[in-house]
Amino acid sequence: MHATSDTVDALRTADPAAKARLYRALGLRMTYDHTQRKMRIGIGPDPHPDFRW
């Protein structure tokens, strides 16, 4: 579990703009259904990413 907690810590403390670029490059999509209080999460990388750290 150590590697997982390291990843969580890195994401928690990362620069918000860098995280946004990473999530966009991964194709991360999140939709919240407030009536069911559930988050739907999907990922689908762009086949032609324009990703720069």
PDB file of N, CA and C in Angstrom:
ATOM      1  N   MET A   1       0.809  -1.214   0.000  1.00  0.00           N
ATOM      2  CA  MET A   1       0.000   0.000   0.000  1.00  0.00           C
ATOM      3  C   MET A   1       0.844   1.266   0.000  1.00  0.00           C
ATOM      4  N   HIS A   2       2.115   1.131   0.248  1.00  0.00           N
ATOM      5  CA  HIS A   2       2.969   2.311   0.340  1.00  0.00           C
ATOM      6  C   HIS A   2       2.979   3.101  -0.978  1.00  0.00           C
ATOM      7  N   ALA A   3       3.077   2.398  -2.104  1.00  0.00           N
ATOM      8  CA  ALA A   3       3.094   3.080  -3.395  1.00  0.00           C
ATOM      9  C   ALA A   3       1.787   3.820  -3.642  1.00  0.00           C
ATOM     10  N   THR A   4       0.675   3.229  -3.251  1.00  0.00           N
ATOM     11  CA  THR A   4      -0.618   3.881  -3.419  1.00  0.00           C
ATOM     12  C   THR A   4      -0.705   5.145  -2.590  1.00  0.00           C
ATOM     13  N   SER A   5      -0.263   5.083  -1.343  1.00  0.00           N
ATOM     14  CA  SER A   5      -0.326   6.280  -0.499  1.00  0.00           C
ATOM     15  C   SER A   5       0.622   7.351  -1.006  1.00  0.00           C
ATOM     16  N   ASP A   6       1.770   6.963  -1.589  1.00  0.00           N
ATOM     17  CA  ASP A   6       2.682   7.941  -2.180  1.00  0.00           C
ATOM     18  C   ASP A   6       2.019   8.655  -3.352  1.00  0.00           C
ATOM     19  N   THR A   7       1.292   7.906  -4.173  1.00  0.00           N
ATOM     20  CA  THR A   7       0.595   8.494  -5.316  1.00  0.00           C
ATOM     21  C   THR A   7      -0.494   9.442  -4.857  1.00  0.00           C
ATOM     22  N   VAL A   8      -1.259   9.038  -3.862  1.00  0.00           N
ATOM     23  CA  VAL A   8      -2.319   9.893  -3.325  1.00  0.00           C
ATOM     24  C   VAL A   8      -1.718  11.178  -2.761  1.00  0.00           C
ATOM     25  N   ASP A   9      -0.638  11.058  -2.017  1.00  0.00           N
ATOM     26  CA  ASP A   9       0.023  12.247  -1.455  1.00  0.00           C
ATOM     27  C   ASP A   9       0.537  13.166  -2.557  1.00  0.00           C
ATOM     28  N   ALA A  10       1.121  12.585  -3.607  1.00  0.00           N
ATOM     29  CA  ALA A  10       1.641  13.392  -4.713  1.00  0.00           C
ATOM     30  C   ALA A  10       0.518  14.152  -5.411  1.00  0.00           C
ATOM     31  N   LEU A  11      -0.610  13.490  -5.652  1.00  0.00           N
ATOM     32  CA  LEU A  11      -1.739  14.161  -6.295  1.00  0.00           C
ATOM     33  C   LEU A  11      -2.365  15.215  -5.386  1.00  0.00           C
ATOM     34  N   ARG A  12      -2.432  14.917  -4.108  1.00  0.00           N
ATOM     35  CA  ARG A  12      -3.032  15.847  -3.152  1.00  0.00           C
ATOM     36  C   ARG A  12      -2.244  17.165  -3.082  1.00  0.00           C
ATOM     37  N   THR A  13      -0.929  17.083  -3.207  1.00  0.00           N
ATOM     38  CA  THR A  13      -0.091  18.274  -3.035  1.00  0.00           C
ATOM     39  C   THR A  13       0.384  18.872  -4.358  1.00  0.00           C
ATOM     40  N   ALA A  14       0.007  18.277  -5.482  1.00  0.00           N
ATOM     41  CA  ALA A  14       0.462  18.753  -6.793  1.00  0.00           C
ATOM     42  C   ALA A  14      -0.165  20.098  -7.145  1.00  0.00           C
ATOM     43  N   ASP A  15       0.514  20.808  -8.007  1.00  0.00           N
ATOM     44  CA  ASP A  15       0.012  22.081  -8.530  1.00  0.00           C
ATOM     45  C   ASP A  15      -1.312  21.831  -9.262  1.00  0.00           C
ATOM     46  N   PRO A  16      -2.364  22.577  -8.938  1.00  0.00           N
ATOM     47  CA  PRO A  16      -3.676  22.348  -9.571  1.00  0.00           C
ATOM     48  C   PRO A  16      -3.643  22.431 -11.100  1.00  0.00           C
ATOM     49  N   ALA A  17      -2.855  23.340 -11.652  1.00  0.00           N
ATOM     50  CA  ALA A  17      -2.782  23.452 -13.115  1.00  0.00           C
ATOM     51  C   ALA A  17      -2.127  22.211 -13.718  1.00  0.00           C
ATOM     52  N   ALA A  18      -1.116  21.677 -13.056  1.00  0.00           N
ATOM     53  CA  ALA A  18      -0.455  20.460 -13.540  1.00  0.00           C
ATOM     54  C   ALA A  18      -1.411  19.277 -13.468  1.00  0.00           C
ATOM     55  N   LYS A  19      -2.192  19.192 -12.379  1.00  0.00           N
ATOM     56  CA  LYS A  19      -3.173  18.113 -12.268  1.00  0.00           C
ATOM     57  C   LYS A  19      -4.222  18.224 -13.361  1.00  0.00           C
ATOM     58  N   ALA A  20      -4.670  19.429 -13.647  1.00  0.00           N
ATOM     59  CA  ALA A  20      -5.686  19.617 -14.689  1.00  0.00           C
ATOM     60  C   ALA A  20      -5.150  19.150 -16.037  1.00  0.00           C
ATOM     61  N   ARG A  21      -3.890  19.459 -16.346  1.00  0.00           N
ATOM     62  CA  ARG A  21      -3.301  19.004 -17.609  1.00  0.00           C
ATOM     63  C   ARG A  21      -3.206  17.481 -17.642  1.00  0.00           C
ATOM     64  N   LEU A  22      -2.809  16.880 -16.540  1.00  0.00           N
ATOM     65  CA  LEU A  22      -2.702  15.427 -16.463  1.00  0.00           C
ATOM     66  C   LEU A  22      -4.067  14.779 -16.660  1.00  0.00           C
ATOM     67  N   TYR A  23      -5.070  15.258 -15.937  1.00  0.00           N
ATOM     68  CA  TYR A  23      -6.416  14.692 -16.043  1.00  0.00           C
ATOM     69  C   TYR A  23      -6.962  14.851 -17.461  1.00  0.00           C
ATOM     70  N   ARG A  24      -6.697  16.006 -18.080  1.00  0.00           N
ATOM     71  CA  ARG A  24      -7.154  16.243 -19.450  1.00  0.00           C
ATOM     72  C   ARG A  24      -6.467  15.273 -20.411  1.00  0.00           C
ATOM     73  N   ALA A  25      -5.157  15.078 -20.238  1.00  0.00           N
ATOM     74  CA  ALA A  25      -4.411  14.161 -21.105  1.00  0.00           C
ATOM     75  C   ALA A  25      -4.896  12.718 -20.939  1.00  0.00           C
ATOM     76  N   LEU A  26      -5.305  12.360 -19.738  1.00  0.00           N
ATOM     77  CA  LEU A  26      -5.820  11.017 -19.489  1.00  0.00           C
ATOM     78  C   LEU A  26      -7.247  10.841 -20.000  1.00  0.00           C
ATOM     79  N   GLY A  27      -7.901  11.947 -20.281  1.00  0.00           N
ATOM     80  CA  GLY A  27      -9.294  11.886 -20.711  1.00  0.00           C
ATOM     81  C   GLY A  27     -10.228  11.607 -19.553  1.00  0.00           C
ATOM     82  N   LEU A  28      -9.849  12.032 -18.358  1.00  0.00           N
ATOM     83  CA  LEU A  28     -10.654  11.795 -17.159  1.00  0.00           C
ATOM     84  C   LEU A  28     -11.942  12.611 -17.210  1.00  0.00           C
ATOM     85  N   ARG A  29     -13.053  11.906 -16.990  1.00  0.00           N
ATOM     86  CA  ARG A  29     -14.363  12.576 -16.957  1.00  0.00           C
ATOM     87  C   ARG A  29     -15.075  12.177 -15.673  1.00  0.00           C
ATOM     88  N   MET A  30     -15.631  13.166 -15.000  1.00  0.00           N
ATOM     89  CA  MET A  30     -16.362  12.900 -13.766  1.00  0.00           C
ATOM     90  C   MET A  30     -17.720  13.584 -13.844  1.00  0.00           C
ATOM     91  N   THR A  31     -18.755  12.835 -13.504  1.00  0.00           N
ATOM     92  CA  THR A  31     -20.114  13.371 -13.482  1.00  0.00           C
ATOM     93  C   THR A  31     -20.740  12.997 -12.144  1.00  0.00           C
ATOM     94  N   TYR A  32     -21.263  14.004 -11.454  1.00  0.00           N
ATOM     95  CA  TYR A  32     -21.876  13.769 -10.146  1.00  0.00           C
ATOM     96  C   TYR A  32     -23.390  13.791 -10.278  1.00  0.00           C
ATOM     97  N   ASP A  33     -24.029  12.737  -9.785  1.00  0.00           N
ATOM     98  CA  ASP A  33     -25.485  12.651  -9.742  1.00  0.00           C
ATOM     99  C   ASP A  33     -25.901  12.993  -8.316  1.00  0.00           C
ATOM    100  N   HIS A  34     -26.370  14.222  -8.125  1.00  0.00           N
ATOM    101  CA  HIS A  34     -26.694  14.682  -6.771  1.00  0.00           C
ATOM    102  C   HIS A  34     -27.914  13.978  -6.174  1.00  0.00           C
ATOM    103  N   THR A  35     -28.809  13.482  -7.028  1.00  0.00           N
ATOM    104  CA  THR A  35     -29.979  12.800  -6.478  1.00  0.00           C
ATOM    105  C   THR A  35     -29.608  11.454  -5.858  1.00  0.00           C
ATOM    106  N   GLN A  36     -28.615  10.781  -6.449  1.00  0.00           N
ATOM    107  CA  GLN A  36     -28.168   9.499  -5.910  1.00  0.00           C
ATOM    108  C   GLN A  36     -26.889   9.633  -5.077  1.00  0.00           C
ATOM    109  N   ARG A  37     -26.344  10.838  -5.067  1.00  0.00           N
ATOM    110  CA  ARG A  37     -25.093  11.108  -4.340  1.00  0.00           C
ATOM    111  C   ARG A  37     -23.990  10.146  -4.775  1.00  0.00           C
ATOM    112  N   LYS A  38     -23.833  10.023  -6.112  1.00  0.00           N
ATOM    113  CA  LYS A  38     -22.831   9.139  -6.686  1.00  0.00           C
ATOM    114  C   LYS A  38     -22.013   9.883  -7.734  1.00  0.00           C
ATOM    115  N   MET A  39     -20.746   9.527  -7.826  1.00  0.00           N
ATOM    116  CA  MET A  39     -19.855  10.087  -8.822  1.00  0.00           C
ATOM    117  C   MET A  39     -19.574   9.014  -9.863  1.00  0.00           C
ATOM    118  N   ARG A  40     -19.772   9.368 -11.113  1.00  0.00           N
ATOM    119  CA  ARG A  40     -19.440   8.457 -12.211  1.00  0.00           C
ATOM    120  C   ARG A  40     -18.134   8.947 -12.817  1.00  0.00           C
ATOM    121  N   ILE A  41     -17.163   8.044 -12.915  1.00  0.00           N
ATOM    122  CA  ILE A  41     -15.835   8.413 -13.390  1.00  0.00           C
ATOM    123  C   ILE A  41     -15.467   7.545 -14.575  1.00  0.00           C
ATOM    124  N   GLY A  42     -14.974   8.196 -15.629  1.00  0.00           N
ATOM    125  CA  GLY A  42     -14.535   7.469 -16.809  1.00  0.00           C
ATOM    126  C   GLY A  42     -13.193   7.995 -17.267  1.00  0.00           C
ATOM    127  N   ILE A  43     -12.491   7.174 -18.007  1.00  0.00           N
ATOM    128  CA  ILE A  43     -11.195   7.587 -18.528  1.00  0.00           C
ATOM    129  C   ILE A  43     -11.058   7.056 -19.947  1.00  0.00           C
ATOM    130  N   GLY A  44     -10.586   7.893 -20.830  1.00  0.00           N
ATOM    131  CA  GLY A  44     -10.384   7.514 -22.219  1.00  0.00           C
ATOM    132  C   GLY A  44      -9.356   8.431 -22.837  1.00  0.00           C
ATOM    133  N   PRO A  45      -8.095   8.006 -22.833  1.00  0.00           N
ATOM    134  CA  PRO A  45      -7.032   8.876 -23.342  1.00  0.00           C
ATOM    135  C   PRO A  45      -7.277   9.337 -24.782  1.00  0.00           C
ATOM    136  N   ASP A  46      -6.924  10.565 -25.054  1.00  0.00           N
ATOM    137  CA  ASP A  46      -7.002  11.138 -26.383  1.00  0.00           C
ATOM    138  C   ASP A  46      -5.938  10.459 -27.251  1.00  0.00           C
ATOM    139  N   PRO A  47      -6.299   9.946 -28.414  1.00  0.00           N
ATOM    140  CA  PRO A  47      -5.290   9.287 -29.253  1.00  0.00           C
ATOM    141  C   PRO A  47      -4.257  10.257 -29.833  1.00  0.00           C
ATOM    142  N   HIS A  48      -4.545  11.547 -29.751  1.00  0.00           N
ATOM    143  CA  HIS A  48      -3.608  12.571 -30.241  1.00  0.00           C
ATOM    144  C   HIS A  48      -3.369  13.617 -29.154  1.00  0.00           C
ATOM    145  N   PRO A  49      -2.715  13.215 -28.054  1.00  0.00           N
ATOM    146  CA  PRO A  49      -2.560  14.163 -26.938  1.00  0.00           C
ATOM    147  C   PRO A  49      -1.612  15.303 -27.247  1.00  0.00           C
ATOM    148  N   ASP A  50      -1.926  16.438 -26.695  1.00  0.00           N
ATOM    149  CA  ASP A  50      -1.051  17.606 -26.763  1.00  0.00           C
ATOM    150  C   ASP A  50      -0.644  17.891 -25.326  1.00  0.00           C
ATOM    151  N   PHE A  51       0.081  16.963 -24.729  1.00  0.00           N
ATOM    152  CA  PHE A  51       0.387  17.020 -23.309  1.00  0.00           C
ATOM    153  C   PHE A  51       1.826  17.488 -23.076  1.00  0.00           C
ATOM    154  N   ARG A  52       1.961  18.495 -22.238  1.00  0.00           N
ATOM    155  CA  ARG A  52       3.278  19.000 -21.849  1.00  0.00           C
ATOM    156  C   ARG A  52       3.262  19.224 -20.346  1.00  0.00           C
ATOM    157  N   TRP A  53       4.268  18.706 -19.685  1.00  0.00           N
ATOM    158  CA  TRP A  53       4.376  18.934 -18.232  1.00  0.00           C
ATOM    159  C   TRP A  53       4.773  20.350 -18.048  1.00  0.00           C
TER     160      TRP A  53
END
